[in-house]
Amino acid sequence: MVEFGLKLKELRTKEGMTQEQLGELIGVSKSVVSYYETNDRIPSPLTLIRISKVFHVTTDFLLSLDSGRTVNIEGLDAHDEEIVRRMVATMRKLQEESGS
């Protein structure tokens, strides 16, 4: 959990979000978000899930159990979902070919 606070702060600042804004989205105060970011408190499982949904990452990613991120495709029809999947596959293939 040592990296959790740093990861949370990085995700929040990358989104241009204040601690207060994040707190409103996950149902805690600004000061609690600050405690999370400094590793003075650990979020409950429910709050951890809320954080993962806000940033479209897995709880495993937040807890440094894996490095995976997710893309929210909720609300897309099957055709659009397939387009997104193909785009991701193409981008991965291009990265592999370029050695990145």
PDB file of N, CA and C in Angstrom:
ATOM      1  N   MET A   1       0.813  -1.212   0.000  1.00  0.00           N
ATOM      2  CA  MET A   1       0.000   0.000   0.000  1.00  0.00           C
ATOM      3  C   MET A   1       0.851   1.269   0.000  1.00  0.00           C
ATOM      4  N   VAL A   2       2.157   1.147   0.119  1.00  0.00           N
ATOM      5  CA  VAL A   2       3.005   2.321   0.176  1.00  0.00           C
ATOM      6  C   VAL A   2       2.849   3.178  -1.067  1.00  0.00           C
ATOM      7  N   GLU A   3       2.732   2.568  -2.213  1.00  0.00           N
ATOM      8  CA  GLU A   3       2.615   3.313  -3.461  1.00  0.00           C
ATOM      9  C   GLU A   3       1.211   3.863  -3.699  1.00  0.00           C
ATOM     10  N   PHE A   4       0.229   3.411  -2.941  1.00  0.00           N
ATOM     11  CA  PHE A   4      -1.151   3.811  -3.190  1.00  0.00           C
ATOM     12  C   PHE A   4      -1.314   5.327  -3.181  1.00  0.00           C
ATOM     13  N   GLY A   5      -0.798   5.983  -2.160  1.00  0.00           N
ATOM     14  CA  GLY A   5      -0.954   7.427  -2.041  1.00  0.00           C
ATOM     15  C   GLY A   5      -0.355   8.175  -3.211  1.00  0.00           C
ATOM     16  N   LEU A   6       0.827   7.771  -3.608  1.00  0.00           N
ATOM     17  CA  LEU A   6       1.476   8.405  -4.760  1.00  0.00           C
ATOM     18  C   LEU A   6       0.691   8.171  -6.036  1.00  0.00           C
ATOM     19  N   LYS A   7       0.200   6.951  -6.191  1.00  0.00           N
ATOM     20  CA  LYS A   7      -0.573   6.601  -7.380  1.00  0.00           C
ATOM     21  C   LYS A   7      -1.869   7.414  -7.425  1.00  0.00           C
ATOM     22  N   LEU A   8      -2.532   7.527  -6.291  1.00  0.00           N
ATOM     23  CA  LEU A   8      -3.780   8.287  -6.226  1.00  0.00           C
ATOM     24  C   LEU A   8      -3.540   9.750  -6.587  1.00  0.00           C
ATOM     25  N   LYS A   9      -2.509  10.339  -6.006  1.00  0.00           N
ATOM     26  CA  LYS A   9      -2.214  11.746  -6.283  1.00  0.00           C
ATOM     27  C   LYS A   9      -1.871  11.942  -7.756  1.00  0.00           C
ATOM     28  N   GLU A  10      -1.105  11.028  -8.319  1.00  0.00           N
ATOM     29  CA  GLU A  10      -0.737  11.120  -9.735  1.00  0.00           C
ATOM     30  C   GLU A  10      -1.971  11.053 -10.628  1.00  0.00           C
ATOM     31  N   LEU A  11      -2.869  10.100 -10.349  1.00  0.00           N
ATOM     32  CA  LEU A  11      -4.092   9.980 -11.141  1.00  0.00           C
ATOM     33  C   LEU A  11      -4.955  11.233 -11.016  1.00  0.00           C
ATOM     34  N   ARG A  12      -5.072  11.729  -9.791  1.00  0.00           N
ATOM     35  CA  ARG A  12      -5.918  12.904  -9.544  1.00  0.00           C
ATOM     36  C   ARG A  12      -5.372  14.132 -10.251  1.00  0.00           C
ATOM     37  N   THR A  13      -4.074  14.385 -10.113  1.00  0.00           N
ATOM     38  CA  THR A  13      -3.498  15.573 -10.732  1.00  0.00           C
ATOM     39  C   THR A  13      -3.476  15.466 -12.258  1.00  0.00           C
ATOM     40  N   LYS A  14      -3.275  14.254 -12.766  1.00  0.00           N
ATOM     41  CA  LYS A  14      -3.290  14.040 -14.217  1.00  0.00           C
ATOM     42  C   LYS A  14      -4.656  14.405 -14.800  1.00  0.00           C
ATOM     43  N   GLU A  15      -5.710  14.163 -14.025  1.00  0.00           N
ATOM     44  CA  GLU A  15      -7.068  14.502 -14.467  1.00  0.00           C
ATOM     45  C   GLU A  15      -7.423  15.965 -14.181  1.00  0.00           C
ATOM     46  N   GLY A  16      -6.495  16.707 -13.563  1.00  0.00           N
ATOM     47  CA  GLY A  16      -6.760  18.108 -13.250  1.00  0.00           C
ATOM     48  C   GLY A  16      -7.821  18.278 -12.175  1.00  0.00           C
ATOM     49  N   MET A  17      -7.868  17.338 -11.266  1.00  0.00           N
ATOM     50  CA  MET A  17      -8.901  17.286 -10.245  1.00  0.00           C
ATOM     51  C   MET A  17      -8.319  17.707  -8.894  1.00  0.00           C
ATOM     52  N   THR A  18      -9.087  18.459  -8.137  1.00  0.00           N
ATOM     53  CA  THR A  18      -8.658  18.824  -6.789  1.00  0.00           C
ATOM     54  C   THR A  18      -9.008  17.701  -5.815  1.00  0.00           C
ATOM     55  N   GLN A  19      -8.411  17.753  -4.626  1.00  0.00           N
ATOM     56  CA  GLN A  19      -8.753  16.773  -3.590  1.00  0.00           C
ATOM     57  C   GLN A  19     -10.228  16.894  -3.230  1.00  0.00           C
ATOM     58  N   GLU A  20     -10.719  18.103  -3.204  1.00  0.00           N
ATOM     59  CA  GLU A  20     -12.133  18.313  -2.880  1.00  0.00           C
ATOM     60  C   GLU A  20     -13.044  17.688  -3.934  1.00  0.00           C
ATOM     61  N   GLN A  21     -12.712  17.863  -5.207  1.00  0.00           N
ATOM     62  CA  GLN A  21     -13.523  17.285  -6.285  1.00  0.00           C
ATOM     63  C   GLN A  21     -13.520  15.753  -6.213  1.00  0.00           C
ATOM     64  N   LEU A  22     -12.345  15.179  -5.979  1.00  0.00           N
ATOM     65  CA  LEU A  22     -12.277  13.726  -5.865  1.00  0.00           C
ATOM     66  C   LEU A  22     -13.092  13.257  -4.667  1.00  0.00           C
ATOM     67  N   GLY A  23     -12.941  13.953  -3.548  1.00  0.00           N
ATOM     68  CA  GLY A  23     -13.691  13.593  -2.352  1.00  0.00           C
ATOM     69  C   GLY A  23     -15.195  13.567  -2.601  1.00  0.00           C
ATOM     70  N   GLU A  24     -15.699  14.551  -3.330  1.00  0.00           N
ATOM     71  CA  GLU A  24     -17.128  14.597  -3.649  1.00  0.00           C
ATOM     72  C   GLU A  24     -17.545  13.384  -4.478  1.00  0.00           C
ATOM     73  N   LEU A  25     -16.691  12.995  -5.412  1.00  0.00           N
ATOM     74  CA  LEU A  25     -17.016  11.862  -6.285  1.00  0.00           C
ATOM     75  C   LEU A  25     -17.013  10.521  -5.556  1.00  0.00           C
ATOM     76  N   ILE A  26     -16.175  10.399  -4.520  1.00  0.00           N
ATOM     77  CA  ILE A  26     -16.059   9.112  -3.827  1.00  0.00           C
ATOM     78  C   ILE A  26     -16.701   9.114  -2.446  1.00  0.00           C
ATOM     79  N   GLY A  27     -17.282  10.242  -2.061  1.00  0.00           N
ATOM     80  CA  GLY A  27     -18.032  10.301  -0.814  1.00  0.00           C
ATOM     81  C   GLY A  27     -17.206  10.484   0.451  1.00  0.00           C
ATOM     82  N   VAL A  28     -16.077  11.199   0.330  1.00  0.00           N
ATOM     83  CA  VAL A  28     -15.258  11.505   1.509  1.00  0.00           C
ATOM     84  C   VAL A  28     -14.875  12.981   1.456  1.00  0.00           C
ATOM     85  N   SER A  29     -14.332  13.477   2.554  1.00  0.00           N
ATOM     86  CA  SER A  29     -13.930  14.885   2.597  1.00  0.00           C
ATOM     87  C   SER A  29     -12.569  15.095   1.937  1.00  0.00           C
ATOM     88  N   LYS A  30     -12.249  16.355   1.678  1.00  0.00           N
ATOM     89  CA  LYS A  30     -10.955  16.725   1.105  1.00  0.00           C
ATOM     90  C   LYS A  30      -9.825  16.244   1.999  1.00  0.00           C
ATOM     91  N   SER A  31     -10.003  16.379   3.298  1.00  0.00           N
ATOM     92  CA  SER A  31      -8.937  15.978   4.222  1.00  0.00           C
ATOM     93  C   SER A  31      -8.700  14.468   4.183  1.00  0.00           C
ATOM     94  N   VAL A  32      -9.746  13.680   3.977  1.00  0.00           N
ATOM     95  CA  VAL A  32      -9.580  12.229   3.877  1.00  0.00           C
ATOM     96  C   VAL A  32      -8.792  11.878   2.615  1.00  0.00           C
ATOM     97  N   VAL A  33      -9.081  12.566   1.506  1.00  0.00           N
ATOM     98  CA  VAL A  33      -8.303  12.345   0.284  1.00  0.00           C
ATOM     99  C   VAL A  33      -6.839  12.666   0.559  1.00  0.00           C
ATOM    100  N   SER A  34      -6.588  13.750   1.269  1.00  0.00           N
ATOM    101  CA  SER A  34      -5.215  14.115   1.631  1.00  0.00           C
ATOM    102  C   SER A  34      -4.560  13.013   2.458  1.00  0.00           C
ATOM    103  N   TYR A  35      -5.293  12.451   3.417  1.00  0.00           N
ATOM    104  CA  TYR A  35      -4.759  11.349   4.232  1.00  0.00           C
ATOM    105  C   TYR A  35      -4.422  10.137   3.360  1.00  0.00           C
ATOM    106  N   TYR A  36      -5.282   9.841   2.382  1.00  0.00           N
ATOM    107  CA  TYR A  36      -5.002   8.729   1.465  1.00  0.00           C
ATOM    108  C   TYR A  36      -3.704   8.979   0.702  1.00  0.00           C
ATOM    109  N   GLU A  37      -3.551  10.215   0.213  1.00  0.00           N
ATOM    110  CA  GLU A  37      -2.382  10.541  -0.610  1.00  0.00           C
ATOM    111  C   GLU A  37      -1.078  10.527   0.186  1.00  0.00           C
ATOM    112  N   THR A  38      -1.157  10.751   1.472  1.00  0.00           N
ATOM    113  CA  THR A  38       0.042  10.719   2.313  1.00  0.00           C
ATOM    114  C   THR A  38       0.185   9.380   3.032  1.00  0.00           C
ATOM    115  N   ASN A  39      -0.664   8.439   2.679  1.00  0.00           N
ATOM    116  CA  ASN A  39      -0.663   7.094   3.274  1.00  0.00           C
ATOM    117  C   ASN A  39      -0.899   7.102   4.785  1.00  0.00           C
ATOM    118  N   ASP A  40      -1.612   8.132   5.263  1.00  0.00           N
ATOM    119  CA  ASP A  40      -1.978   8.179   6.679  1.00  0.00           C
ATOM    120  C   ASP A  40      -3.254   7.399   6.960  1.00  0.00           C
ATOM    121  N   ARG A  41      -4.031   7.159   5.911  1.00  0.00           N
ATOM    122  CA  ARG A  41      -5.238   6.328   6.007  1.00  0.00           C
ATOM    123  C   ARG A  41      -5.333   5.436   4.790  1.00  0.00           C
ATOM    124  N   ILE A  42      -6.036   4.338   4.962  1.00  0.00           N
ATOM    125  CA  ILE A  42      -6.278   3.396   3.875  1.00  0.00           C
ATOM    126  C   ILE A  42      -7.770   3.414   3.578  1.00  0.00           C
ATOM    127  N   PRO A  43      -8.150   3.519   2.301  1.00  0.00           N
ATOM    128  CA  PRO A  43      -9.580   3.550   1.982  1.00  0.00           C
ATOM    129  C   PRO A  43     -10.253   2.199   2.237  1.00  0.00           C
ATOM    130  N   SER A  44     -11.531   2.270   2.540  1.00  0.00           N
ATOM    131  CA  SER A  44     -12.320   1.049   2.691  1.00  0.00           C
ATOM    132  C   SER A  44     -12.423   0.363   1.332  1.00  0.00           C
ATOM    133  N   PRO A  45     -12.789  -0.910   1.320  1.00  0.00           N
ATOM    134  CA  PRO A  45     -12.960  -1.586   0.022  1.00  0.00           C
ATOM    135  C   PRO A  45     -13.952  -0.870  -0.891  1.00  0.00           C
ATOM    136  N   LEU A  46     -15.056  -0.367  -0.338  1.00  0.00           N
ATOM    137  CA  LEU A  46     -16.051   0.334  -1.153  1.00  0.00           C
ATOM    138  C   LEU A  46     -15.460   1.617  -1.737  1.00  0.00           C
ATOM    139  N   THR A  47     -14.712   2.359  -0.933  1.00  0.00           N
ATOM    140  CA  THR A  47     -14.093   3.588  -1.426  1.00  0.00           C
ATOM    141  C   THR A  47     -13.039   3.279  -2.476  1.00  0.00           C
ATOM    142  N   LEU A  48     -12.307   2.207  -2.285  1.00  0.00           N
ATOM    143  CA  LEU A  48     -11.309   1.789  -3.265  1.00  0.00           C
ATOM    144  C   LEU A  48     -11.974   1.503  -4.616  1.00  0.00           C
ATOM    145  N   ILE A  49     -13.118   0.856  -4.582  1.00  0.00           N
ATOM    146  CA  ILE A  49     -13.875   0.581  -5.810  1.00  0.00           C
ATOM    147  C   ILE A  49     -14.335   1.886  -6.439  1.00  0.00           C
ATOM    148  N   ARG A  50     -14.810   2.813  -5.637  1.00  0.00           N
ATOM    149  CA  ARG A  50     -15.248   4.109  -6.174  1.00  0.00           C
ATOM    150  C   ARG A  50     -14.087   4.841  -6.847  1.00  0.00           C
ATOM    151  N   ILE A  51     -12.927   4.814  -6.213  1.00  0.00           N
ATOM    152  CA  ILE A  51     -11.741   5.460  -6.794  1.00  0.00           C
ATOM    153  C   ILE A  51     -11.401   4.808  -8.134  1.00  0.00           C
ATOM    154  N   SER A  52     -11.450   3.484  -8.174  1.00  0.00           N
ATOM    155  CA  SER A  52     -11.111   2.786  -9.416  1.00  0.00           C
ATOM    156  C   SER A  52     -12.064   3.169 -10.543  1.00  0.00           C
ATOM    157  N   LYS A  53     -13.325   3.367 -10.222  1.00  0.00           N
ATOM    158  CA  LYS A  53     -14.305   3.753 -11.241  1.00  0.00           C
ATOM    159  C   LYS A  53     -14.083   5.177 -11.728  1.00  0.00           C
ATOM    160  N   VAL A  54     -13.732   6.074 -10.818  1.00  0.00           N
ATOM    161  CA  VAL A  54     -13.474   7.465 -11.201  1.00  0.00           C
ATOM    162  C   VAL A  54     -12.337   7.543 -12.215  1.00  0.00           C
ATOM    163  N   PHE A  55     -11.274   6.777 -11.973  1.00  0.00           N
ATOM    164  CA  PHE A  55     -10.087   6.863 -12.827  1.00  0.00           C
ATOM    165  C   PHE A  55     -10.000   5.760 -13.879  1.00  0.00           C
ATOM    166  N   HIS A  56     -11.005   4.907 -13.948  1.00  0.00           N
ATOM    167  CA  HIS A  56     -11.045   3.821 -14.940  1.00  0.00           C
ATOM    168  C   HIS A  56      -9.799   2.941 -14.860  1.00  0.00           C
ATOM    169  N   VAL A  57      -9.476   2.566 -13.646  1.00  0.00           N
ATOM    170  CA  VAL A  57      -8.371   1.637 -13.400  1.00  0.00           C
ATOM    171  C   VAL A  57      -8.904   0.504 -12.525  1.00  0.00           C
ATOM    172  N   THR A  58      -8.159  -0.571 -12.430  1.00  0.00           N
ATOM    173  CA  THR A  58      -8.581  -1.673 -11.569  1.00  0.00           C
ATOM    174  C   THR A  58      -8.135  -1.407 -10.138  1.00  0.00           C
ATOM    175  N   THR A  59      -8.800  -2.051  -9.199  1.00  0.00           N
ATOM    176  CA  THR A  59      -8.351  -1.950  -7.809  1.00  0.00           C
ATOM    177  C   THR A  59      -6.966  -2.572  -7.666  1.00  0.00           C
ATOM    178  N   ASP A  60      -6.684  -3.601  -8.447  1.00  0.00           N
ATOM    179  CA  ASP A  60      -5.346  -4.204  -8.436  1.00  0.00           C
ATOM    180  C   ASP A  60      -4.290  -3.177  -8.860  1.00  0.00           C
ATOM    181  N   PHE A  61      -4.613  -2.354  -9.834  1.00  0.00           N
ATOM    182  CA  PHE A  61      -3.682  -1.303 -10.261  1.00  0.00           C
ATOM    183  C   PHE A  61      -3.444  -0.330  -9.108  1.00  0.00           C
ATOM    184  N   LEU A  62      -4.509   0.100  -8.446  1.00  0.00           N
ATOM    185  CA  LEU A  62      -4.368   1.041  -7.328  1.00  0.00           C
ATOM    186  C   LEU A  62      -3.521   0.462  -6.205  1.00  0.00           C
ATOM    187  N   LEU A  63      -3.638  -0.840  -6.004  1.00  0.00           N
ATOM    188  CA  LEU A  63      -2.898  -1.501  -4.929  1.00  0.00           C
ATOM    189  C   LEU A  63      -1.548  -2.045  -5.394  1.00  0.00           C
ATOM    190  N   SER A  64      -1.164  -1.696  -6.614  1.00  0.00           N
ATOM    191  CA  SER A  64       0.113  -2.126  -7.208  1.00  0.00           C
ATOM    192  C   SER A  64       0.215  -3.638  -7.350  1.00  0.00           C
ATOM    193  N   LEU A  65      -0.915  -4.288  -7.579  1.00  0.00           N
ATOM    194  CA  LEU A  65      -0.908  -5.722  -7.818  1.00  0.00           C
ATOM    195  C   LEU A  65      -0.788  -6.036  -9.303  1.00  0.00           C
ATOM    196  N   ASP A  66      -1.120  -5.066 -10.146  1.00  0.00           N
ATOM    197  CA  ASP A  66      -0.876  -5.173 -11.581  1.00  0.00           C
ATOM    198  C   ASP A  66      -0.783  -3.772 -12.151  1.00  0.00           C
ATOM    199  N   SER A  67      -0.360  -3.678 -13.381  1.00  0.00           N
ATOM    200  CA  SER A  67      -0.178  -2.362 -13.990  1.00  0.00           C
ATOM    201  C   SER A  67      -1.263  -2.045 -15.013  1.00  0.00           C
ATOM    202  N   GLY A  68      -2.322  -2.851 -15.038  1.00  0.00           N
ATOM    203  CA  GLY A  68      -3.362  -2.676 -16.041  1.00  0.00           C
ATOM    204  C   GLY A  68      -4.260  -1.488 -15.806  1.00  0.00           C
ATOM    205  N   ARG A  69      -4.635  -0.852 -16.882  1.00  0.00           N
ATOM    206  CA  ARG A  69      -5.632   0.204 -16.853  1.00  0.00           C
ATOM    207  C   ARG A  69      -6.807  -0.276 -17.673  1.00  0.00           C
ATOM    208  N   THR A  70      -7.943   0.318 -17.482  1.00  0.00           N
ATOM    209  CA  THR A  70      -9.124  -0.083 -18.223  1.00  0.00           C
ATOM    210  C   THR A  70      -9.653   1.081 -19.049  1.00  0.00           C
ATOM    211  N   VAL A  71     -10.452   0.755 -20.023  1.00  0.00           N
ATOM    212  CA  VAL A  71     -11.155   1.755 -20.826  1.00  0.00           C
ATOM    213  C   VAL A  71     -12.638   1.485 -20.640  1.00  0.00           C
ATOM    214  N   ASN A  72     -13.366   2.491 -20.248  1.00  0.00           N
ATOM    215  CA  ASN A  72     -14.797   2.337 -20.012  1.00  0.00           C
ATOM    216  C   ASN A  72     -15.525   2.365 -21.353  1.00  0.00           C
ATOM    217  N   ILE A  73     -16.089   1.222 -21.731  1.00  0.00           N
ATOM    218  CA  ILE A  73     -16.850   1.140 -22.987  1.00  0.00           C
ATOM    219  C   ILE A  73     -18.341   0.956 -22.712  1.00  0.00           C
ATOM    220  N   GLU A  74     -18.716   1.199 -21.482  1.00  0.00           N
ATOM    221  CA  GLU A  74     -20.118   1.086 -21.090  1.00  0.00           C
ATOM    222  C   GLU A  74     -20.964   2.025 -21.942  1.00  0.00           C
ATOM    223  N   GLY A  75     -22.071   1.521 -22.426  1.00  0.00           N
ATOM    224  CA  GLY A  75     -22.988   2.324 -23.218  1.00  0.00           C
ATOM    225  C   GLY A  75     -22.751   2.244 -24.715  1.00  0.00           C
ATOM    226  N   LEU A  76     -21.626   1.632 -25.113  1.00  0.00           N
ATOM    227  CA  LEU A  76     -21.381   1.468 -26.539  1.00  0.00           C
ATOM    228  C   LEU A  76     -22.110   0.226 -27.041  1.00  0.00           C
ATOM    229  N   ASP A  77     -22.555   0.283 -28.269  1.00  0.00           N
ATOM    230  CA  ASP A  77     -23.182  -0.919 -28.827  1.00  0.00           C
ATOM    231  C   ASP A  77     -22.086  -1.904 -29.237  1.00  0.00           C
ATOM    232  N   ALA A  78     -22.482  -3.100 -29.606  1.00  0.00           N
ATOM    233  CA  ALA A  78     -21.522  -4.164 -29.919  1.00  0.00           C
ATOM    234  C   ALA A  78     -20.594  -3.772 -31.067  1.00  0.00           C
ATOM    235  N   HIS A  79     -21.109  -3.080 -32.048  1.00  0.00           N
ATOM    236  CA  HIS A  79     -20.292  -2.668 -33.184  1.00  0.00           C
ATOM    237  C   HIS A  79     -19.191  -1.708 -32.727  1.00  0.00           C
ATOM    238  N   ASP A  80     -19.561  -0.700 -31.932  1.00  0.00           N
ATOM    239  CA  ASP A  80     -18.584   0.272 -31.448  1.00  0.00           C
ATOM    240  C   ASP A  80     -17.570  -0.376 -30.504  1.00  0.00           C
ATOM    241  N   GLU A  81     -18.015  -1.322 -29.683  1.00  0.00           N
ATOM    242  CA  GLU A  81     -17.085  -2.047 -28.815  1.00  0.00           C
ATOM    243  C   GLU A  81     -16.031  -2.758 -29.653  1.00  0.00           C
ATOM    244  N   GLU A  82     -16.449  -3.379 -30.727  1.00  0.00           N
ATOM    245  CA  GLU A  82     -15.518  -4.086 -31.611  1.00  0.00           C
ATOM    246  C   GLU A  82     -14.521  -3.117 -32.232  1.00  0.00           C
ATOM    247  N   ILE A  83     -14.972  -1.943 -32.612  1.00  0.00           N
ATOM    248  CA  ILE A  83     -14.074  -0.932 -33.176  1.00  0.00           C
ATOM    249  C   ILE A  83     -13.010  -0.546 -32.157  1.00  0.00           C
ATOM    250  N   VAL A  84     -13.418  -0.322 -30.915  1.00  0.00           N
ATOM    251  CA  VAL A  84     -12.461   0.033 -29.865  1.00  0.00           C
ATOM    252  C   VAL A  84     -11.461  -1.096 -29.653  1.00  0.00           C
ATOM    253  N   ARG A  85     -11.931  -2.329 -29.598  1.00  0.00           N
ATOM    254  CA  ARG A  85     -11.034  -3.474 -29.419  1.00  0.00           C
ATOM    255  C   ARG A  85     -10.007  -3.566 -30.563  1.00  0.00           C
ATOM    256  N   ARG A  86     -10.465  -3.349 -31.784  1.00  0.00           N
ATOM    257  CA  ARG A  86      -9.560  -3.412 -32.929  1.00  0.00           C
ATOM    258  C   ARG A  86      -8.535  -2.271 -32.895  1.00  0.00           C
ATOM    259  N   MET A  87      -8.981  -1.101 -32.480  1.00  0.00           N
ATOM    260  CA  MET A  87      -8.061   0.031 -32.361  1.00  0.00           C
ATOM    261  C   MET A  87      -6.957  -0.275 -31.354  1.00  0.00           C
ATOM    262  N   VAL A  88      -7.328  -0.833 -30.215  1.00  0.00           N
ATOM    263  CA  VAL A  88      -6.349  -1.181 -29.184  1.00  0.00           C
ATOM    264  C   VAL A  88      -5.381  -2.236 -29.715  1.00  0.00           C
ATOM    265  N   ALA A  89      -5.901  -3.239 -30.388  1.00  0.00           N
ATOM    266  CA  ALA A  89      -5.039  -4.293 -30.937  1.00  0.00           C
ATOM    267  C   ALA A  89      -4.069  -3.715 -31.960  1.00  0.00           C
ATOM    268  N   THR A  90      -4.548  -2.813 -32.801  1.00  0.00           N
ATOM    269  CA  THR A  90      -3.690  -2.184 -33.806  1.00  0.00           C
ATOM    270  C   THR A  90      -2.601  -1.345 -33.144  1.00  0.00           C
ATOM    271  N   MET A  91      -2.965  -0.603 -32.111  1.00  0.00           N
ATOM    272  CA  MET A  91      -1.986   0.234 -31.408  1.00  0.00           C
ATOM    273  C   MET A  91      -0.920  -0.622 -30.722  1.00  0.00           C
ATOM    274  N   ARG A  92      -1.337  -1.734 -30.141  1.00  0.00           N
ATOM    275  CA  ARG A  92      -0.366  -2.641 -29.510  1.00  0.00           C
ATOM    276  C   ARG A  92       0.594  -3.207 -30.546  1.00  0.00           C
ATOM    277  N   LYS A  93       0.055  -3.611 -31.679  1.00  0.00           N
ATOM    278  CA  LYS A  93       0.887  -4.175 -32.744  1.00  0.00           C
ATOM    279  C   LYS A  93       1.891  -3.140 -33.240  1.00  0.00           C
ATOM    280  N   LEU A  94       1.463  -1.904 -33.432  1.00  0.00           N
ATOM    281  CA  LEU A  94       2.355  -0.837 -33.868  1.00  0.00           C
ATOM    282  C   LEU A  94       3.466  -0.585 -32.862  1.00  0.00           C
ATOM    283  N   GLN A  95       3.126  -0.623 -31.569  1.00  0.00           N
ATOM    284  CA  GLN A  95       4.142  -0.448 -30.516  1.00  0.00           C
ATOM    285  C   GLN A  95       5.160  -1.561 -30.547  1.00  0.00           C
ATOM    286  N   GLU A  96       4.676  -2.788 -30.714  1.00  0.00           N
ATOM    287  CA  GLU A  96       5.590  -3.935 -30.770  1.00  0.00           C
ATOM    288  C   GLU A  96       6.529  -3.813 -31.960  1.00  0.00           C
ATOM    289  N   GLU A  97       5.997  -3.405 -33.089  1.00  0.00           N
ATOM    290  CA  GLU A  97       6.797  -3.294 -34.298  1.00  0.00           C
ATOM    291  C   GLU A  97       7.839  -2.172 -34.205  1.00  0.00           C
ATOM    292  N   SER A  98       7.480  -1.106 -33.467  1.00  0.00           N
ATOM    293  CA  SER A  98       8.423   0.009 -33.339  1.00  0.00           C
ATOM    294  C   SER A  98       9.409  -0.187 -32.194  1.00  0.00           C
ATOM    295  N   GLY A  99       9.176  -1.237 -31.388  1.00  0.00           N
ATOM    296  CA  GLY A  99      10.090  -1.535 -30.285  1.00  0.00           C
ATOM    297  C   GLY A  99       9.845  -0.708 -29.043  1.00  0.00           C
ATOM    298  N   SER A 100       8.696  -0.061 -28.946  1.00  0.00           N
ATOM    299  CA  SER A 100       8.381   0.766 -27.769  1.00  0.00           C
ATOM    300  C   SER A 100       7.896  -0.056 -26.624  1.00  0.00           C
TER     301      SER A 100
END
